[in-house]
C-alpha atoms as a PDB file:
ATOM      1  CA  MET A   1       0.215  77.072 191.626  1.00  0.00           C
ATOM      2  CA  LYS A   2       2.158  80.265 191.155  1.00  0.00           C
ATOM      3  CA  LEU A   3       5.830  81.126 190.957  1.00  0.00           C
ATOM      4  CA  MET A   4       7.855  84.315 191.289  1.00  0.00           C
ATOM      5  CA  LEU A   5       8.870  85.366 187.781  1.00  0.00           C
ATOM      6  CA  PHE A   6      12.472  86.316 188.464  1.00  0.00           C
ATOM      7  CA  LEU A   7      13.268  82.763 189.554  1.00  0.00           C
ATOM      8  CA  LEU A   8      12.396  81.455 186.086  1.00  0.00           C
ATOM      9  CA  LEU A   9      13.763  84.276 183.920  1.00  0.00           C
ATOM     10  CA  PRO A  10      17.091  82.615 183.005  1.00  0.00           C
ATOM     11  CA  LEU A  11      15.173  79.564 181.836  1.00  0.00           C
ATOM     12  CA  LEU A  12      12.408  81.423 180.016  1.00  0.00           C
ATOM     13  CA  PHE A  13      14.741  83.724 178.069  1.00  0.00           C
ATOM     14  CA  ALA A  14      12.669  86.706 179.172  1.00  0.00           C
ATOM     15  CA  ALA A  15      15.284  89.367 179.694  1.00  0.00           C
ATOM     16  CA  ASN A  16      12.865  92.041 178.553  1.00  0.00           C
ATOM     17  CA  LEU A  17      10.444  91.116 181.322  1.00  0.00           C
ATOM     18  CA  PHE A  18      13.287  91.162 183.834  1.00  0.00           C
ATOM     19  CA  SER A  19      14.134  94.763 182.956  1.00  0.00           C
ATOM     20  CA  GLN A  20      10.504  95.742 183.474  1.00  0.00           C
ATOM     21  CA  THR A  21       9.999  93.910 186.771  1.00  0.00           C
ATOM     22  CA  THR A  22      13.223  94.639 188.643  1.00  0.00           C
ATOM     23  CA  HIS A  23      11.341  96.372 191.445  1.00  0.00           C
ATOM     24  CA  GLU A  24       8.131  94.375 191.421  1.00  0.00           C
ATOM     25  CA  THR A  25       7.114  90.766 191.834  1.00  0.00           C
ATOM     26  CA  LYS A  26       5.330  88.915 189.073  1.00  0.00           C
ATOM     27  CA  THR A  27       3.747  85.496 189.361  1.00  0.00           C
ATOM     28  CA  LEU A  28       3.288  82.856 186.692  1.00  0.00           C
ATOM     29  CA  THR A  29       1.311  79.652 186.644  1.00  0.00           C
ATOM     30  CA  LEU A  30       3.026  76.597 185.219  1.00  0.00           C
ATOM     31  CA  GLU A  31       0.965  76.943 182.045  1.00  0.00           C
ATOM     32  CA  GLN A  32       2.054  80.570 181.637  1.00  0.00           C
ATOM     33  CA  SER A  33       5.668  79.603 182.246  1.00  0.00           C
ATOM     34  CA  LEU A  34       5.497  76.990 179.504  1.00  0.00           C
ATOM     35  CA  SER A  35       3.855  79.470 177.137  1.00  0.00           C
ATOM     36  CA  PHE A  36       6.607  82.043 177.714  1.00  0.00           C
ATOM     37  CA  ALA A  37       9.285  79.404 177.223  1.00  0.00           C
ATOM     38  CA  PHE A  38       7.831  78.168 173.922  1.00  0.00           C
ATOM     39  CA  GLU A  39       7.381  81.700 172.565  1.00  0.00           C
ATOM     40  CA  GLY A  40      10.847  82.910 173.558  1.00  0.00           C
ATOM     41  CA  ASN A  41      12.948  79.840 172.786  1.00  0.00           C
ATOM     42  CA  VAL A  42      15.041  80.162 169.622  1.00  0.00           C
ATOM     43  CA  ASP A  43      15.338  76.398 169.118  1.00  0.00           C
ATOM     44  CA  VAL A  44      11.558  75.980 169.187  1.00  0.00           C
ATOM     45  CA  ALA A  45      11.108  78.758 166.626  1.00  0.00           C
ATOM     46  CA  ARG A  46      13.804  77.274 164.373  1.00  0.00           C
ATOM     47  CA  ALA A  47      12.255  73.803 164.571  1.00  0.00           C
ATOM     48  CA  TYR A  48       8.843  75.241 163.653  1.00  0.00           C
ATOM     49  CA  ASN A  49      10.307  77.050 160.632  1.00  0.00           C
ATOM     50  CA  ASN A  50      11.937  73.807 159.522  1.00  0.00           C
ATOM     51  CA  ILE A  51       8.475  72.236 159.368  1.00  0.00           C
ATOM     52  CA  ASP A  52       7.242  75.028 157.081  1.00  0.00           C
ATOM     53  CA  ASN A  53      10.251  74.562 154.789  1.00  0.00           C
ATOM     54  CA  ALA A  54       9.726  70.802 154.709  1.00  0.00           C
ATOM     55  CA  LYS A  55       6.043  71.201 153.818  1.00  0.00           C
ATOM     56  CA  ALA A  56       6.972  73.573 150.993  1.00  0.00           C
ATOM     57  CA  ASN A  57       9.413  70.976 149.630  1.00  0.00           C
ATOM     58  CA  VAL A  58       6.707  68.292 149.769  1.00  0.00           C
ATOM     59  CA  LEU A  59       4.352  70.546 147.819  1.00  0.00           C
ATOM     60  CA  ALA A  60       7.039  71.211 145.221  1.00  0.00           C
ATOM     61  CA  ALA A  61       7.743  67.482 144.889  1.00  0.00           C
ATOM     62  CA  TYR A  62       4.038  66.755 144.509  1.00  0.00           C
ATOM     63  CA  GLY A  63       3.887  69.298 141.676  1.00  0.00           C
ATOM     64  CA  SER A  64       5.855  66.941 139.437  1.00  0.00           C
ATOM     65  CA  TYR A  65       2.788  64.644 139.365  1.00  0.00           C
ATOM     66  CA  VAL A  66       0.481  67.410 138.141  1.00  0.00           C
ATOM     67  CA  PRO A  67       0.054  68.144 134.407  1.00  0.00           C
ATOM     68  CA  LYS A  68       1.565  71.437 133.312  1.00  0.00           C
ATOM     69  CA  LEU A  69      -0.619  73.897 131.427  1.00  0.00           C
ATOM     70  CA  ASN A  70       1.160  76.180 128.967  1.00  0.00           C
ATOM     71  CA  VAL A  71      -0.648  79.223 127.611  1.00  0.00           C
ATOM     72  CA  GLY A  72       0.772  81.526 124.953  1.00  0.00           C
ATOM     73  CA  MET A  73      -0.538  84.577 123.095  1.00  0.00           C
ATOM     74  CA  SER A  74       0.852  86.825 120.369  1.00  0.00           C
ATOM     75  CA  TYR A  75      -0.216  89.961 118.612  1.00  0.00           C
ATOM     76  CA  ALA A  76       0.875  91.477 115.297  1.00  0.00           C
ATOM     77  CA  ARG A  77      -0.210  94.521 113.314  1.00  0.00           C
ATOM     78  CA  THR A  78       0.465  94.922 109.572  1.00  0.00           C
ATOM     79  CA  GLY A  79      -0.695  97.408 106.957  1.00  0.00           C
ATOM     80  CA  TYR A  80       0.191 100.011 104.413  1.00  0.00           C
ATOM     81  CA  SER A  81      -0.589 103.644 103.562  1.00  0.00           C
ATOM     82  CA  THR A  82      -0.802 105.727 100.338  1.00  0.00           C
ATOM     83  CA  PRO A  83       0.166 109.374 100.214  1.00  0.00           C
ATOM     84  CA  PRO A  84      -2.335 112.036  99.091  1.00  0.00           C
ATOM     85  CA  SER A  85      -2.569 112.571  95.300  1.00  0.00           C
ATOM     86  CA  ILE A  86      -4.486 114.335  92.544  1.00  0.00           C
ATOM     87  CA  ARG A  87      -6.509 112.344  90.073  1.00  0.00           C
ATOM     88  CA  THR A  88      -8.097 113.705  86.882  1.00  0.00           C
ATOM     89  CA  ILE A  89     -11.450 112.373  85.866  1.00  0.00           C
ATOM     90  CA  GLY A  90     -13.009 113.716  82.637  1.00  0.00           C
ATOM     91  CA  GLY A  91     -10.481 116.530  82.626  1.00  0.00           C
ATOM     92  CA  VAL A  92     -11.457 117.575  86.160  1.00  0.00           C
ATOM     93  CA  PRO A  93      -8.763 117.214  88.855  1.00  0.00           C
ATOM     94  CA  PHE A  94      -9.724 115.686  92.228  1.00  0.00           C
ATOM     95  CA  ASN A  95      -7.700 115.582  95.437  1.00  0.00           C
ATOM     96  CA  VAL A  96      -7.315 112.046  96.763  1.00  0.00           C
ATOM     97  CA  PRO A  97      -6.562 112.065 100.518  1.00  0.00           C
ATOM     98  CA  ARG A  98      -3.984 109.885 102.247  1.00  0.00           C
ATOM     99  CA  THR A  99      -5.247 106.392 102.957  1.00  0.00           C
ATOM    100  CA  GLU A 100      -4.102 103.882 105.609  1.00  0.00           C
ATOM    101  CA  THR A 101      -4.982 100.228 105.890  1.00  0.00           C
ATOM    102  CA  TYR A 102      -3.971  98.049 108.868  1.00  0.00           C
ATOM    103  CA  TYR A 103      -4.650  94.463 109.892  1.00  0.00           C
ATOM    104  CA  ASP A 104      -4.525  93.224 113.512  1.00  0.00           C
ATOM    105  CA  THR A 105      -3.636  89.573 114.033  1.00  0.00           C
ATOM    106  CA  TYR A 106      -4.110  87.709 117.331  1.00  0.00           C
ATOM    107  CA  ASN A 107      -2.801  84.216 117.977  1.00  0.00           C
ATOM    108  CA  GLY A 108      -3.357  82.027 121.010  1.00  0.00           C
ATOM    109  CA  ALA A 109      -2.134  78.582 121.989  1.00  0.00           C
ATOM    110  CA  ILE A 110      -2.830  76.246 124.886  1.00  0.00           C
ATOM    111  CA  GLY A 111      -0.732  73.185 125.611  1.00  0.00           C
ATOM    112  CA  LEU A 112      -0.881  70.490 128.276  1.00  0.00           C
ATOM    113  CA  THR A 113       2.155  68.385 129.175  1.00  0.00           C
ATOM    114  CA  TYR A 114       2.430  65.470 131.566  1.00  0.00           C
ATOM    115  CA  THR A 115       5.397  63.330 132.495  1.00  0.00           C
ATOM    116  CA  VAL A 116       4.444  59.682 132.268  1.00  0.00           C
ATOM    117  CA  PHE A 117       7.732  58.218 133.509  1.00  0.00           C
ATOM    118  CA  ASP A 118      11.078  59.733 134.474  1.00  0.00           C
ATOM    119  CA  GLY A 119      12.895  56.730 135.838  1.00  0.00           C
ATOM    120  CA  PHE A 120      11.246  56.947 139.277  1.00  0.00           C
ATOM    121  CA  GLY A 121      12.964  60.282 139.877  1.00  0.00           C
ATOM    122  CA  ARG A 122       9.866  62.132 141.001  1.00  0.00           C
ATOM    123  CA  GLU A 123       8.822  59.236 143.243  1.00  0.00           C
ATOM    124  CA  SER A 124      12.206  59.336 144.940  1.00  0.00           C
ATOM    125  CA  ASN A 125      12.058  63.111 145.381  1.00  0.00           C
ATOM    126  CA  PHE A 126       8.574  62.921 146.862  1.00  0.00           C
ATOM    127  CA  ARG A 127       9.494  60.178 149.349  1.00  0.00           C
ATOM    128  CA  SER A 128      12.587  62.099 150.402  1.00  0.00           C
ATOM    129  CA  ALA A 129      10.616  65.327 150.895  1.00  0.00           C
ATOM    130  CA  ARG A 130       7.917  63.523 152.875  1.00  0.00           C
ATOM    131  CA  SER A 131      10.530  61.833 155.066  1.00  0.00           C
ATOM    132  CA  ASN A 132      12.154  65.189 155.781  1.00  0.00           C
ATOM    133  CA  GLU A 133       8.755  66.604 156.732  1.00  0.00           C
ATOM    134  CA  ILE A 134       8.150  63.796 159.242  1.00  0.00           C
ATOM    135  CA  GLN A 135      11.626  64.259 160.724  1.00  0.00           C
ATOM    136  CA  ALA A 136      11.063  68.014 161.037  1.00  0.00           C
ATOM    137  CA  GLU A 137       7.774  67.449 162.875  1.00  0.00           C
ATOM    138  CA  GLN A 138       9.375  64.927 165.229  1.00  0.00           C
ATOM    139  CA  SER A 139      12.289  67.266 165.885  1.00  0.00           C
ATOM    140  CA  TYR A 140       9.840  70.054 166.714  1.00  0.00           C
ATOM    141  CA  ASP A 141       7.994  67.812 169.171  1.00  0.00           C
ATOM    142  CA  ARG A 142      11.259  66.733 170.828  1.00  0.00           C
ATOM    143  CA  THR A 143      12.431  70.335 171.131  1.00  0.00           C
ATOM    144  CA  ARG A 144       9.183  71.427 172.755  1.00  0.00           C
ATOM    145  CA  GLN A 145       9.276  68.447 175.110  1.00  0.00           C
ATOM    146  CA  SER A 146      12.863  69.238 176.110  1.00  0.00           C
ATOM    147  CA  VAL A 147      11.955  72.845 176.885  1.00  0.00           C
ATOM    148  CA  ALA A 148       8.841  71.741 178.769  1.00  0.00           C
ATOM    149  CA  ASN A 149      10.848  69.300 180.894  1.00  0.00           C
ATOM    150  CA  ALA A 150      13.364  71.998 181.783  1.00  0.00           C
ATOM    151  CA  VAL A 151      10.616  74.438 182.773  1.00  0.00           C
ATOM    152  CA  ILE A 152       8.697  71.865 184.815  1.00  0.00           C
ATOM    153  CA  ASN A 153      11.835  70.706 186.640  1.00  0.00           C
ATOM    154  CA  SER A 154      12.809  74.268 187.505  1.00  0.00           C
ATOM    155  CA  TYR A 155       9.257  75.049 188.532  1.00  0.00           C
ATOM    156  CA  LEU A 156       9.170  72.102 190.920  1.00  0.00           C
ATOM    157  CA  ILE A 157      12.589  72.997 192.335  1.00  0.00           C
ATOM    158  CA  VAL A 158      11.410  76.514 193.113  1.00  0.00           C
ATOM    159  CA  LEU A 159       8.231  75.210 194.729  1.00  0.00           C
ATOM    160  CA  ARG A 160      10.300  72.849 196.857  1.00  0.00           C
ATOM    161  CA  ASN A 161      12.620  75.687 197.832  1.00  0.00           C
ATOM    162  CA  GLU A 162       9.625  77.825 198.743  1.00  0.00           C
ATOM    163  CA  GLN A 163       8.483  75.127 201.138  1.00  0.00           C
ATOM    164  CA  GLN A 164      11.964  74.831 202.586  1.00  0.00           C
ATOM    165  CA  VAL A 165      12.044  78.594 203.147  1.00  0.00           C
ATOM    166  CA  LYS A 166       8.772  78.351 205.059  1.00  0.00           C
ATOM    167  CA  VAL A 167      10.165  75.532 207.212  1.00  0.00           C
ATOM    168  CA  PHE A 168      13.365  77.473 207.933  1.00  0.00           C
ATOM    169  CA  GLN A 169      11.333  80.578 208.767  1.00  0.00           C
ATOM    170  CA  GLU A 170       9.318  78.582 211.270  1.00  0.00           C
ATOM    171  CA  ASN A 171      12.565  77.266 212.764  1.00  0.00           C
ATOM    172  CA  VAL A 172      13.885  80.810 213.070  1.00  0.00           C
ATOM    173  CA  ASN A 173      10.736  81.905 214.892  1.00  0.00           C
ATOM    174  CA  ASP A 174      10.957  78.906 217.233  1.00  0.00           C
ATOM    175  CA  GLU A 175      14.621  79.560 218.018  1.00  0.00           C
ATOM    176  CA  ARG A 176      13.955  83.263 218.649  1.00  0.00           C
ATOM    177  CA  ASN A 177      11.149  82.376 221.046  1.00  0.00           C
ATOM    178  CA  ARG A 178      13.443  79.905 222.776  1.00  0.00           C
ATOM    179  CA  LEU A 179      16.120  82.595 223.019  1.00  0.00           C
ATOM    180  CA  ARG A 180      13.685  84.980 224.719  1.00  0.00           C
ATOM    181  CA  ARG A 181      12.774  82.302 227.269  1.00  0.00           C
ATOM    182  CA  ILE A 182      16.435  81.494 227.967  1.00  0.00           C
ATOM    183  CA  MET A 183      17.276  85.180 228.379  1.00  0.00           C
ATOM    184  CA  GLU A 184      14.404  85.525 230.828  1.00  0.00           C
ATOM    185  CA  GLN A 185      15.615  82.456 232.756  1.00  0.00           C
ATOM    186  CA  ASN A 186      19.131  83.899 232.825  1.00  0.00           C
ATOM    187  CA  ARG A 187      17.794  87.241 234.074  1.00  0.00           C
ATOM    188  CA  VAL A 188      16.243  85.553 237.110  1.00  0.00           C
ATOM    189  CA  GLY A 189      19.375  83.444 237.651  1.00  0.00           C
ATOM    190  CA  ALA A 190      17.878  80.102 236.614  1.00  0.00           C
ATOM    191  CA  ILE A 191      20.507  79.329 233.943  1.00  0.00           C
ATOM    192  CA  ALA A 192      24.031  80.487 233.080  1.00  0.00           C
ATOM    193  CA  ILE A 193      24.938  83.145 230.546  1.00  0.00           C
ATOM    194  CA  GLY A 194      26.641  80.467 228.429  1.00  0.00           C
ATOM    195  CA  ASP A 195      23.230  79.025 227.587  1.00  0.00           C
ATOM    196  CA  VAL A 196      22.204  82.442 226.247  1.00  0.00           C
ATOM    197  CA  TYR A 197      25.294  82.613 224.035  1.00  0.00           C
ATOM    198  CA  ARG A 198      24.713  79.126 222.668  1.00  0.00           C
ATOM    199  CA  GLN A 199      21.097  79.950 221.835  1.00  0.00           C
ATOM    200  CA  GLN A 200      22.126  83.205 220.161  1.00  0.00           C
ATOM    201  CA  SER A 201      24.496  81.184 217.975  1.00  0.00           C
ATOM    202  CA  THR A 202      21.670  78.762 217.142  1.00  0.00           C
ATOM    203  CA  VAL A 203      19.391  81.666 216.164  1.00  0.00           C
ATOM    204  CA  ALA A 204      22.119  83.146 213.929  1.00  0.00           C
ATOM    205  CA  GLN A 205      22.606  79.800 212.171  1.00  0.00           C
ATOM    206  CA  SER A 206      18.856  79.430 211.630  1.00  0.00           C
ATOM    207  CA  GLU A 207      18.648  82.941 210.145  1.00  0.00           C
ATOM    208  CA  TYR A 208      21.568  82.126 207.837  1.00  0.00           C
ATOM    209  CA  ASN A 209      19.830  78.944 206.670  1.00  0.00           C
END
């Protein structure tokens, strides 16, 4: 089944598509209509983001059960230097160059900590985070279902109206044909002009409908 796009635009929040299709007709299947509604609905997007936030909180709460690894490193450099000098050995002077001596020291430490008991605080936090995650998922499902119901109801209304338009169009054609026959009967004097006027009024009402 297909549906003219502009009849669903207010429901699908697709104003951008409306601006692009003002002078042309687009058709959507029910599945496409639902897809557009889910993608463009702000409440659906917000509900989905709430699930991501809830999952992140669950992961953070679960982290309190995991041992914490602490790693530390340090570096130090020490030393000394002696200026150049002249030393005499056996009455002969010698130049002694500048000397430098340094020592590099590296230290590393690894520690592992684990909370054995904190008064059931972490258990409470984890249960609360998990409950919020379930509520967020249920809220997302309800939001999608609400949007889907609105789209489906509008889709069915438009389909029903399409059928009504077809019925009215057939009525208009029948009344126009009847008007032509009455006018022909009036032309040959078989019926009065009042019958023509009444039929013209009937045709006008059918066209209005």
